[in-house]
Structures are given as structure tokens and as C-alpha cells.
């Protein structure tokens, strides 16, 4: 029986590499969890064959600062690699839009998605504001959640179109320096 790697990796990341916690959800969670577990095994010498092995590895990391330093370095390198992959993916999408514009086309699908999201947010806000749906009911809570999801999607679209925040600029500068951090 395979161990549930994601919960073990979440425990390790939460305590020793909090920046990776968000990467342990979504479609790449299992891959990231595998890399976190492998790094913990390498740093501690513990093979994760039993759920208690996670506790043993965490105890070793707490007790041996030199191993913890190695593990944290490996986790920082992993975090940089994941961030680079994310930025490359976003850049590929921007490049696609540039290529479409060069041939006189627009990204109609993306435009339609943003318009639909905006209409959905306005419609949900209107339903709640006009009292058509009570926000304290299950249906109201669901609509509020869906409205929040669409509002975040609109924010992501704005980040994509107009660039992201100053914090992301600083993150990009740090990523540019990443090879020296990883020792490569």
C-alpha cells in the first residue's frame, strides 16, 4: 500500500518550508509531495515506509541543524523551480496572445471568459443585494463562494494583462538570482 504522500509532505512543508504549502494543492500536488518526501528522506536517511516515519524524520530535522539546513536549502531550490515553471507558463500564454495579435486575431475565448466572470459577479451581487437570495442560507453561501471565485478570476486576468504587483517584481528579481542560491 502506498503511503499518502501529500499529508506527510504538508506536515513537513508547514513546519520547515511554509512557502511550499500552496504547491501541495492542485494538479501538481502529488509530484511536489514526492519531491518533498524524497528531500526529507535524503536529508534524514529515513525511508518513508510507514506513517510514523514522517514523525521520525521531523524529529531528526528538529534535532540536527545541519540536516535541517540541507532540507531547507533543497526546499528553497524546489520552490524556485516551481515559481520559474509558473512564470514560464504565464509567459507562454502571453506569447500566444502576442502571436495572435501579429496575425490580426484576438483571444476571443479569454475575452469571453472575463466577460462571463464579470457578468456572474454582478448578477450574484444583485441577487444578494436585492434580497432574492439570503446570504445566510446554503444557496446564498454557495453563491457567495462562486462570486468570490469569479472575482479572483477577474483579478488573475488583470494580473495577466497588465502585469502583476510590485511584490511579484521583487520575486522575479529574486528568481533571477536563484542560481547563486541553489549553489549551481
N, C-alpha and C. Protein backbone atom coordinates (compact mmCIF):
# COMPACT_ATOMS: atom_id res chain seq x y z
N UNK A 1 0.84 -1.18 0.00
CA UNK A 1 0.00 0.00 0.00
C UNK A 1 0.89 1.25 0.00
N UNK A 2 0.61 2.17 -0.87
CA UNK A 2 1.38 3.40 -0.95
C UNK A 2 0.97 4.35 0.18
N UNK A 3 1.95 5.02 0.72
CA UNK A 3 1.66 5.98 1.78
C UNK A 3 0.99 7.21 1.18
N UNK A 4 0.13 7.86 1.95
CA UNK A 4 -0.45 9.13 1.49
C UNK A 4 0.61 10.23 1.58
N UNK A 5 1.27 10.49 0.47
CA UNK A 5 2.40 11.41 0.47
C UNK A 5 2.01 12.86 0.72
N UNK A 6 0.87 13.28 0.20
CA UNK A 6 0.51 14.69 0.32
C UNK A 6 0.37 15.11 1.78
N UNK A 7 -0.36 14.35 2.63
CA UNK A 7 -0.43 14.78 4.04
C UNK A 7 0.94 14.80 4.74
N UNK A 8 1.79 13.83 4.43
CA UNK A 8 3.14 13.82 5.03
C UNK A 8 3.94 15.04 4.56
N UNK A 9 3.86 15.31 3.26
CA UNK A 9 4.59 16.46 2.71
C UNK A 9 4.05 17.77 3.27
N UNK A 10 2.73 17.84 3.47
CA UNK A 10 2.13 19.04 4.05
C UNK A 10 2.67 19.30 5.45
N UNK A 11 2.79 18.25 6.24
CA UNK A 11 3.33 18.41 7.59
C UNK A 11 4.77 18.92 7.55
N UNK A 12 5.58 18.34 6.67
CA UNK A 12 6.97 18.78 6.54
C UNK A 12 7.04 20.23 6.07
N UNK A 13 6.27 20.54 5.04
CA UNK A 13 6.30 21.90 4.49
C UNK A 13 5.78 22.92 5.49
N UNK A 14 4.70 22.59 6.18
CA UNK A 14 4.11 23.53 7.14
C UNK A 14 5.12 23.93 8.21
N UNK A 15 5.92 22.98 8.65
CA UNK A 15 6.88 23.28 9.71
C UNK A 15 8.20 23.84 9.19
N UNK A 16 8.70 23.32 8.08
CA UNK A 16 10.06 23.65 7.66
C UNK A 16 10.16 24.45 6.36
N UNK A 17 9.11 24.46 5.55
CA UNK A 17 9.14 25.17 4.26
C UNK A 17 7.75 25.70 3.93
N UNK A 18 7.25 26.68 4.71
CA UNK A 18 5.88 27.15 4.54
C UNK A 18 5.56 27.69 3.14
N UNK A 19 6.56 28.15 2.43
CA UNK A 19 6.33 28.67 1.08
C UNK A 19 5.86 27.60 0.11
N UNK A 20 6.06 26.34 0.44
CA UNK A 20 5.66 25.25 -0.45
C UNK A 20 4.25 24.74 -0.19
N UNK A 21 3.63 25.16 0.90
CA UNK A 21 2.32 24.63 1.26
C UNK A 21 1.32 24.81 0.13
N UNK A 22 1.30 25.98 -0.50
CA UNK A 22 0.33 26.23 -1.58
C UNK A 22 0.57 25.33 -2.78
N UNK A 23 1.80 24.86 -2.95
CA UNK A 23 2.12 23.98 -4.08
C UNK A 23 1.66 22.54 -3.83
N UNK A 24 1.23 22.26 -2.62
CA UNK A 24 0.78 20.90 -2.28
C UNK A 24 -0.73 20.76 -2.41
N UNK A 25 -1.30 21.62 -3.23
CA UNK A 25 -2.71 21.52 -3.60
C UNK A 25 -2.77 21.71 -5.11
N UNK A 26 -3.77 21.17 -5.73
CA UNK A 26 -3.91 21.33 -7.17
C UNK A 26 -3.40 20.15 -7.94
N UNK A 27 -3.26 20.34 -9.23
CA UNK A 27 -2.97 19.23 -10.14
C UNK A 27 -1.53 18.71 -10.04
N UNK A 28 -0.63 19.47 -9.47
CA UNK A 28 0.77 19.01 -9.35
C UNK A 28 1.13 18.63 -7.92
N UNK A 29 0.14 18.53 -7.05
CA UNK A 29 0.38 18.27 -5.63
C UNK A 29 1.13 16.97 -5.40
N UNK A 30 0.75 15.91 -6.08
CA UNK A 30 1.41 14.61 -5.87
C UNK A 30 2.88 14.67 -6.27
N UNK A 31 3.19 15.34 -7.38
CA UNK A 31 4.58 15.46 -7.82
C UNK A 31 5.41 16.25 -6.80
N UNK A 32 4.84 17.38 -6.35
CA UNK A 32 5.55 18.21 -5.37
C UNK A 32 5.73 17.43 -4.07
N UNK A 33 4.69 16.72 -3.64
CA UNK A 33 4.77 15.93 -2.41
C UNK A 33 5.88 14.89 -2.53
N UNK A 34 5.97 14.25 -3.67
CA UNK A 34 7.03 13.26 -3.88
C UNK A 34 8.41 13.87 -3.76
N UNK A 35 8.58 15.09 -4.28
CA UNK A 35 9.88 15.76 -4.19
C UNK A 35 10.20 16.17 -2.75
N UNK A 36 9.18 16.62 -2.01
CA UNK A 36 9.39 16.99 -0.60
C UNK A 36 9.80 15.76 0.20
N UNK A 37 9.08 14.65 -0.01
CA UNK A 37 9.37 13.41 0.72
C UNK A 37 10.78 12.91 0.37
N UNK A 38 11.12 12.94 -0.92
CA UNK A 38 12.45 12.48 -1.34
C UNK A 38 13.55 13.32 -0.68
N UNK A 39 13.35 14.63 -0.62
CA UNK A 39 14.34 15.50 0.01
C UNK A 39 14.45 15.20 1.51
N UNK A 40 13.32 14.92 2.15
CA UNK A 40 13.34 14.58 3.58
C UNK A 40 14.06 13.25 3.79
N UNK A 41 13.81 12.30 2.91
CA UNK A 41 14.50 11.01 3.01
C UNK A 41 16.01 11.18 2.84
N UNK A 42 16.39 11.98 1.86
CA UNK A 42 17.82 12.22 1.60
C UNK A 42 18.48 12.91 2.78
N UNK A 43 17.82 13.93 3.32
CA UNK A 43 18.41 14.70 4.42
C UNK A 43 18.50 13.89 5.70
N UNK A 44 17.48 13.08 5.98
CA UNK A 44 17.42 12.40 7.28
C UNK A 44 17.87 10.95 7.26
N UNK A 45 17.86 10.33 6.08
CA UNK A 45 18.18 8.91 5.99
C UNK A 45 17.00 8.01 6.33
N UNK A 46 15.84 8.61 6.60
CA UNK A 46 14.63 7.85 6.93
C UNK A 46 13.90 7.52 5.64
N UNK A 47 13.57 6.24 5.44
CA UNK A 47 12.76 5.84 4.30
C UNK A 47 11.30 5.84 4.73
N UNK A 48 10.47 6.55 4.00
CA UNK A 48 9.06 6.69 4.37
C UNK A 48 8.29 5.45 3.93
N UNK A 49 8.24 4.45 4.81
CA UNK A 49 7.51 3.22 4.53
C UNK A 49 6.29 3.10 5.43
N UNK A 50 6.25 3.91 6.46
CA UNK A 50 5.18 3.84 7.46
C UNK A 50 4.85 5.27 7.87
N UNK A 51 3.60 5.59 8.18
CA UNK A 51 3.27 6.97 8.58
C UNK A 51 4.11 7.49 9.74
N UNK A 52 4.54 6.61 10.64
CA UNK A 52 5.38 7.04 11.77
C UNK A 52 6.75 7.53 11.31
N UNK A 53 7.16 7.13 10.11
CA UNK A 53 8.45 7.58 9.59
C UNK A 53 8.47 9.09 9.39
N UNK A 54 7.33 9.67 9.11
CA UNK A 54 7.25 11.12 8.99
C UNK A 54 7.59 11.79 10.31
N UNK A 55 7.07 11.24 11.41
CA UNK A 55 7.39 11.78 12.73
C UNK A 55 8.88 11.63 13.04
N UNK A 56 9.45 10.48 12.67
CA UNK A 56 10.89 10.26 12.90
C UNK A 56 11.72 11.27 12.13
N UNK A 57 11.37 11.47 10.86
CA UNK A 57 12.13 12.42 10.02
C UNK A 57 12.02 13.84 10.57
N UNK A 58 10.82 14.22 11.01
CA UNK A 58 10.65 15.57 11.55
C UNK A 58 11.46 15.74 12.84
N UNK A 59 11.50 14.71 13.67
CA UNK A 59 12.29 14.78 14.90
C UNK A 59 13.77 14.93 14.58
N UNK A 60 14.24 14.19 13.59
CA UNK A 60 15.65 14.28 13.20
C UNK A 60 15.96 15.69 12.69
N UNK A 61 15.08 16.24 11.88
CA UNK A 61 15.31 17.60 11.36
C UNK A 61 15.34 18.62 12.49
N UNK A 62 14.48 18.44 13.49
CA UNK A 62 14.47 19.37 14.62
C UNK A 62 15.76 19.26 15.45
N UNK A 63 16.29 18.04 15.56
CA UNK A 63 17.44 17.79 16.42
C UNK A 63 18.79 18.06 15.74
N UNK A 64 18.83 18.01 14.42
CA UNK A 64 20.11 18.12 13.71
C UNK A 64 20.08 19.34 12.78
N UNK A 65 20.57 20.48 13.26
CA UNK A 65 20.51 21.72 12.48
C UNK A 65 21.16 21.62 11.10
N UNK A 66 22.24 20.84 11.00
CA UNK A 66 22.92 20.73 9.70
C UNK A 66 22.03 20.02 8.68
N UNK A 67 21.26 19.03 9.13
CA UNK A 67 20.34 18.33 8.22
C UNK A 67 19.15 19.22 7.89
N UNK A 68 18.69 19.98 8.87
CA UNK A 68 17.59 20.91 8.63
C UNK A 68 18.01 21.96 7.61
N UNK A 69 19.24 22.44 7.72
CA UNK A 69 19.74 23.43 6.75
C UNK A 69 19.74 22.85 5.35
N UNK A 70 20.21 21.62 5.21
CA UNK A 70 20.21 20.98 3.89
C UNK A 70 18.79 20.82 3.36
N UNK A 71 17.88 20.37 4.21
CA UNK A 71 16.49 20.18 3.79
C UNK A 71 15.88 21.51 3.38
N UNK A 72 16.09 22.55 4.18
CA UNK A 72 15.54 23.87 3.83
C UNK A 72 16.14 24.39 2.53
N UNK A 73 17.42 24.14 2.30
CA UNK A 73 18.05 24.55 1.04
C UNK A 73 17.40 23.82 -0.13
N UNK A 74 17.18 22.52 0.03
CA UNK A 74 16.52 21.74 -1.03
C UNK A 74 15.10 22.25 -1.27
N UNK A 75 14.40 22.60 -0.20
CA UNK A 75 13.03 23.11 -0.34
C UNK A 75 13.02 24.48 -1.01
N UNK A 76 14.01 25.32 -0.70
CA UNK A 76 14.11 26.64 -1.35
C UNK A 76 14.37 26.46 -2.84
N UNK A 77 15.23 25.52 -3.19
CA UNK A 77 15.52 25.24 -4.60
C UNK A 77 14.26 24.74 -5.30
N UNK A 78 13.52 23.85 -4.65
CA UNK A 78 12.26 23.35 -5.22
C UNK A 78 11.27 24.48 -5.41
N UNK A 79 11.16 25.36 -4.43
CA UNK A 79 10.23 26.48 -4.53
C UNK A 79 10.59 27.39 -5.70
N UNK A 80 11.89 27.64 -5.89
CA UNK A 80 12.34 28.47 -7.02
C UNK A 80 12.00 27.79 -8.34
N UNK A 81 12.24 26.47 -8.43
CA UNK A 81 11.92 25.74 -9.66
C UNK A 81 10.43 25.80 -9.97
N UNK A 82 9.59 25.65 -8.96
CA UNK A 82 8.14 25.72 -9.17
C UNK A 82 7.72 27.11 -9.61
N UNK A 83 8.32 28.13 -9.02
CA UNK A 83 7.99 29.50 -9.38
C UNK A 83 8.43 29.81 -10.81
N UNK A 84 9.61 29.32 -11.19
CA UNK A 84 10.07 29.51 -12.57
C UNK A 84 9.13 28.83 -13.56
N UNK A 85 8.67 27.63 -13.23
CA UNK A 85 7.74 26.92 -14.11
C UNK A 85 6.43 27.69 -14.24
N UNK A 86 5.95 28.24 -13.13
CA UNK A 86 4.71 29.03 -13.16
C UNK A 86 4.88 30.26 -14.04
N UNK A 87 5.99 30.97 -13.85
CA UNK A 87 6.22 32.18 -14.65
C UNK A 87 6.42 31.85 -16.12
N UNK A 88 7.07 30.74 -16.42
CA UNK A 88 7.25 30.34 -17.82
C UNK A 88 5.91 30.01 -18.45
N UNK A 89 5.04 29.35 -17.69
CA UNK A 89 3.71 29.02 -18.20
C UNK A 89 2.93 30.29 -18.51
N UNK A 90 2.99 31.26 -17.61
CA UNK A 90 2.29 32.53 -17.83
C UNK A 90 2.89 33.26 -19.03
N UNK A 91 4.22 33.22 -19.17
CA UNK A 91 4.88 33.88 -20.29
C UNK A 91 4.47 33.22 -21.60
N UNK A 92 4.34 31.90 -21.61
CA UNK A 92 3.89 31.20 -22.82
C UNK A 92 2.51 31.68 -23.23
N UNK A 93 1.63 31.87 -22.26
CA UNK A 93 0.28 32.35 -22.57
C UNK A 93 0.33 33.77 -23.12
N UNK A 94 1.19 34.60 -22.57
CA UNK A 94 1.32 35.97 -23.08
C UNK A 94 1.90 35.95 -24.50
N UNK A 95 2.86 35.07 -24.73
CA UNK A 95 3.44 34.95 -26.06
C UNK A 95 2.38 34.53 -27.07
N UNK A 96 1.48 33.65 -26.66
CA UNK A 96 0.39 33.21 -27.54
C UNK A 96 -0.47 34.42 -27.94
N UNK A 97 -0.79 35.27 -26.96
CA UNK A 97 -1.58 36.46 -27.27
C UNK A 97 -0.85 37.38 -28.25
N UNK A 98 0.46 37.52 -28.07
CA UNK A 98 1.25 38.36 -28.97
C UNK A 98 1.21 37.79 -30.39
N UNK A 99 1.38 36.48 -30.51
CA UNK A 99 1.34 35.84 -31.83
C UNK A 99 -0.03 36.00 -32.49
N UNK A 100 -1.09 35.87 -31.71
CA UNK A 100 -2.44 36.08 -32.27
C UNK A 100 -2.59 37.51 -32.78
N UNK A 101 -2.09 38.48 -32.01
CA UNK A 101 -2.20 39.88 -32.42
C UNK A 101 -1.41 40.15 -33.70
N UNK A 102 -0.28 39.48 -33.87
CA UNK A 102 0.54 39.67 -35.07
C UNK A 102 -0.21 39.28 -36.33
N UNK A 103 -1.09 38.28 -36.22
CA UNK A 103 -1.84 37.84 -37.40
C UNK A 103 -3.24 38.44 -37.43
N UNK A 104 -3.47 39.46 -36.58
CA UNK A 104 -4.73 40.18 -36.62
C UNK A 104 -5.88 39.49 -35.91
N UNK A 105 -5.58 38.55 -35.05
CA UNK A 105 -6.65 37.85 -34.31
C UNK A 105 -6.63 38.27 -32.85
N UNK A 106 -7.74 38.01 -32.19
CA UNK A 106 -7.84 38.28 -30.76
C UNK A 106 -8.07 36.98 -30.02
N UNK A 107 -7.76 37.00 -28.76
CA UNK A 107 -8.01 35.84 -27.91
C UNK A 107 -9.46 35.92 -27.44
N UNK A 108 -10.38 35.54 -28.31
CA UNK A 108 -11.81 35.67 -28.06
C UNK A 108 -12.22 34.82 -26.85
N UNK A 109 -11.65 33.65 -26.74
CA UNK A 109 -12.01 32.77 -25.62
C UNK A 109 -11.70 33.44 -24.28
N UNK A 110 -10.52 34.01 -24.15
CA UNK A 110 -10.14 34.67 -22.90
C UNK A 110 -11.02 35.88 -22.63
N UNK A 111 -11.29 36.67 -23.68
CA UNK A 111 -12.16 37.83 -23.52
C UNK A 111 -13.55 37.40 -23.05
N UNK A 112 -14.08 36.35 -23.66
CA UNK A 112 -15.42 35.86 -23.29
C UNK A 112 -15.43 35.36 -21.85
N UNK A 113 -14.36 34.69 -21.44
CA UNK A 113 -14.31 34.18 -20.07
C UNK A 113 -14.32 35.32 -19.05
N UNK A 114 -13.60 36.40 -19.32
CA UNK A 114 -13.58 37.54 -18.40
C UNK A 114 -14.94 38.21 -18.37
N UNK A 115 -15.57 38.36 -19.53
CA UNK A 115 -16.90 38.98 -19.58
C UNK A 115 -17.91 38.14 -18.80
N UNK A 116 -17.89 36.84 -19.00
CA UNK A 116 -18.82 35.95 -18.29
C UNK A 116 -18.57 36.04 -16.78
N UNK A 117 -17.31 36.07 -16.37
CA UNK A 117 -16.99 36.17 -14.95
C UNK A 117 -17.52 37.49 -14.38
N UNK A 118 -17.34 38.58 -15.11
CA UNK A 118 -17.82 39.87 -14.65
C UNK A 118 -19.34 39.88 -14.53
N UNK A 119 -20.03 39.36 -15.55
CA UNK A 119 -21.49 39.30 -15.52
C UNK A 119 -21.95 38.44 -14.33
N UNK A 120 -21.27 37.34 -14.09
CA UNK A 120 -21.64 36.46 -12.97
C UNK A 120 -21.49 37.18 -11.64
N UNK A 121 -20.39 37.92 -11.46
CA UNK A 121 -20.19 38.65 -10.20
C UNK A 121 -21.29 39.69 -10.01
N UNK A 122 -21.60 40.43 -11.07
CA UNK A 122 -22.66 41.45 -10.98
C UNK A 122 -24.00 40.79 -10.68
N UNK A 123 -24.32 39.70 -11.37
CA UNK A 123 -25.60 39.01 -11.15
C UNK A 123 -25.71 38.48 -9.72
N UNK A 124 -24.65 37.88 -9.23
CA UNK A 124 -24.68 37.34 -7.87
C UNK A 124 -24.81 38.48 -6.85
N UNK A 125 -24.08 39.56 -7.06
CA UNK A 125 -24.19 40.71 -6.16
C UNK A 125 -25.60 41.27 -6.18
N UNK A 126 -26.21 41.34 -7.37
CA UNK A 126 -27.58 41.85 -7.48
C UNK A 126 -28.57 40.93 -6.76
N UNK A 127 -28.44 39.63 -6.95
CA UNK A 127 -29.33 38.69 -6.26
C UNK A 127 -29.25 38.85 -4.75
N UNK A 128 -28.04 39.00 -4.25
CA UNK A 128 -27.86 39.14 -2.80
C UNK A 128 -28.33 40.51 -2.31
N UNK A 129 -28.00 41.57 -3.06
CA UNK A 129 -28.36 42.93 -2.65
C UNK A 129 -29.86 43.17 -2.70
N UNK A 130 -30.52 42.59 -3.67
CA UNK A 130 -31.97 42.79 -3.82
C UNK A 130 -32.78 41.84 -2.93
N UNK A 131 -32.09 41.01 -2.18
CA UNK A 131 -32.78 40.11 -1.27
C UNK A 131 -33.43 38.91 -1.93
N UNK A 132 -33.09 38.64 -3.18
CA UNK A 132 -33.65 37.48 -3.87
C UNK A 132 -33.11 36.17 -3.29
N UNK A 133 -31.89 36.23 -2.77
CA UNK A 133 -31.27 35.07 -2.14
C UNK A 133 -30.69 35.54 -0.81
N UNK A 134 -30.98 34.81 0.25
CA UNK A 134 -30.45 35.13 1.57
C UNK A 134 -29.03 34.59 1.68
N UNK A 135 -28.09 35.46 1.97
CA UNK A 135 -26.69 35.05 2.09
C UNK A 135 -26.43 34.10 3.24
N UNK A 136 -27.36 33.97 4.17
CA UNK A 136 -27.19 33.09 5.32
C UNK A 136 -27.72 31.68 5.09
N UNK A 137 -28.19 31.39 3.89
CA UNK A 137 -28.66 30.05 3.56
C UNK A 137 -27.55 29.29 2.83
N UNK A 138 -27.78 28.00 2.65
CA UNK A 138 -26.80 27.20 1.91
C UNK A 138 -26.66 27.72 0.48
N UNK A 139 -27.78 28.05 -0.14
CA UNK A 139 -27.73 28.57 -1.52
C UNK A 139 -27.01 29.91 -1.56
N UNK A 140 -27.27 30.75 -0.57
CA UNK A 140 -26.60 32.04 -0.52
C UNK A 140 -25.10 31.89 -0.30
N UNK A 141 -24.73 30.99 0.59
CA UNK A 141 -23.31 30.73 0.82
C UNK A 141 -22.62 30.21 -0.42
N UNK A 142 -23.33 29.33 -1.14
CA UNK A 142 -22.77 28.81 -2.40
C UNK A 142 -22.57 29.94 -3.40
N UNK A 143 -23.57 30.81 -3.54
CA UNK A 143 -23.44 31.92 -4.49
C UNK A 143 -22.30 32.86 -4.09
N UNK A 144 -22.15 33.11 -2.81
CA UNK A 144 -21.05 33.97 -2.36
C UNK A 144 -19.71 33.33 -2.71
N UNK A 145 -19.59 32.03 -2.51
CA UNK A 145 -18.35 31.32 -2.86
C UNK A 145 -18.07 31.40 -4.35
N UNK A 146 -19.10 31.16 -5.15
CA UNK A 146 -18.93 31.21 -6.61
C UNK A 146 -18.58 32.63 -7.05
N UNK A 147 -19.24 33.62 -6.46
CA UNK A 147 -18.93 35.01 -6.78
C UNK A 147 -17.49 35.36 -6.44
N UNK A 148 -17.01 34.87 -5.29
CA UNK A 148 -15.62 35.09 -4.91
C UNK A 148 -14.66 34.44 -5.89
N UNK A 149 -15.01 33.23 -6.34
CA UNK A 149 -14.16 32.54 -7.32
C UNK A 149 -14.07 33.35 -8.61
N UNK A 150 -15.22 33.83 -9.09
CA UNK A 150 -15.21 34.62 -10.32
C UNK A 150 -14.46 35.94 -10.13
N UNK A 151 -14.59 36.56 -8.96
CA UNK A 151 -13.87 37.81 -8.70
C UNK A 151 -12.36 37.57 -8.71
N UNK A 152 -11.91 36.44 -8.13
CA UNK A 152 -10.48 36.11 -8.18
C UNK A 152 -10.03 35.87 -9.61
N UNK A 153 -10.88 35.24 -10.41
CA UNK A 153 -10.53 35.01 -11.81
C UNK A 153 -10.35 36.33 -12.56
N UNK A 154 -11.20 37.28 -12.25
CA UNK A 154 -11.07 38.60 -12.88
C UNK A 154 -9.75 39.23 -12.45
N UNK A 155 -9.40 39.12 -11.17
CA UNK A 155 -8.13 39.64 -10.69
C UNK A 155 -6.94 39.00 -11.38
N UNK A 156 -7.02 37.68 -11.58
CA UNK A 156 -5.95 36.97 -12.27
C UNK A 156 -5.83 37.46 -13.71
N UNK A 157 -6.97 37.71 -14.36
CA UNK A 157 -6.95 38.21 -15.73
C UNK A 157 -6.29 39.59 -15.79
N UNK A 158 -6.58 40.44 -14.81
CA UNK A 158 -5.94 41.75 -14.77
C UNK A 158 -4.44 41.61 -14.55
N UNK A 159 -4.03 40.72 -13.66
CA UNK A 159 -2.60 40.49 -13.45
C UNK A 159 -1.94 40.03 -14.74
N UNK A 160 -2.62 39.16 -15.47
CA UNK A 160 -2.08 38.64 -16.72
C UNK A 160 -1.94 39.75 -17.75
N UNK A 161 -2.97 40.56 -17.90
CA UNK A 161 -2.98 41.60 -18.93
C UNK A 161 -2.06 42.77 -18.62
N UNK A 162 -2.01 43.17 -17.36
CA UNK A 162 -1.31 44.40 -17.02
C UNK A 162 -0.06 44.18 -16.17
N UNK A 163 0.32 42.93 -16.01
CA UNK A 163 1.46 42.65 -15.14
C UNK A 163 0.98 42.52 -13.72
N UNK A 164 1.83 41.97 -12.90
CA UNK A 164 1.41 41.76 -11.53
C UNK A 164 2.02 42.80 -10.62
N UNK A 165 1.87 42.59 -9.35
CA UNK A 165 2.21 43.59 -8.34
C UNK A 165 3.72 43.79 -8.19
N UNK A 166 4.04 44.82 -7.43
CA UNK A 166 5.44 45.10 -7.12
C UNK A 166 6.07 43.92 -6.39
N UNK A 167 5.29 43.25 -5.55
CA UNK A 167 5.80 42.07 -4.86
C UNK A 167 6.27 41.02 -5.85
N UNK A 168 5.55 40.87 -6.95
CA UNK A 168 5.96 39.91 -7.96
C UNK A 168 7.21 40.38 -8.69
N UNK A 169 7.35 41.69 -8.85
CA UNK A 169 8.58 42.21 -9.45
C UNK A 169 9.77 41.83 -8.58
N UNK A 170 9.62 42.00 -7.27
CA UNK A 170 10.70 41.63 -6.36
C UNK A 170 10.96 40.13 -6.43
N UNK A 171 9.90 39.35 -6.53
CA UNK A 171 10.05 37.90 -6.63
C UNK A 171 10.80 37.56 -7.91
N UNK A 172 10.50 38.24 -9.01
CA UNK A 172 11.21 37.99 -10.26
C UNK A 172 12.69 38.32 -10.13
N UNK A 173 13.00 39.39 -9.40
CA UNK A 173 14.40 39.74 -9.19
C UNK A 173 15.10 38.65 -8.37
N UNK A 174 14.41 38.13 -7.36
CA UNK A 174 14.99 37.05 -6.56
C UNK A 174 15.19 35.80 -7.40
N UNK A 175 14.23 35.51 -8.27
CA UNK A 175 14.37 34.34 -9.14
C UNK A 175 15.55 34.48 -10.08
N UNK A 176 15.80 35.71 -10.52
CA UNK A 176 16.94 35.93 -11.41
C UNK A 176 18.26 35.62 -10.70
N UNK A 177 18.26 35.75 -9.38
CA UNK A 177 19.46 35.46 -8.60
C UNK A 177 19.49 34.02 -8.12
N UNK A 178 18.48 33.24 -8.45
CA UNK A 178 18.31 31.89 -7.91
C UNK A 178 19.51 30.96 -8.10
N UNK A 179 20.20 30.96 -9.24
CA UNK A 179 21.31 30.02 -9.37
C UNK A 179 22.33 30.14 -8.25
N UNK A 180 22.61 31.35 -7.78
CA UNK A 180 23.57 31.50 -6.70
C UNK A 180 23.01 30.95 -5.38
N UNK A 181 21.69 31.00 -5.21
CA UNK A 181 21.07 30.46 -4.00
C UNK A 181 21.17 28.95 -3.99
N UNK A 182 20.88 28.33 -5.12
CA UNK A 182 20.89 26.87 -5.21
C UNK A 182 22.29 26.29 -5.31
N UNK A 183 23.29 27.13 -5.42
CA UNK A 183 24.67 26.65 -5.50
C UNK A 183 25.05 26.12 -6.86
N UNK A 184 24.29 26.46 -7.90
CA UNK A 184 24.58 25.96 -9.25
C UNK A 184 25.35 27.00 -10.03
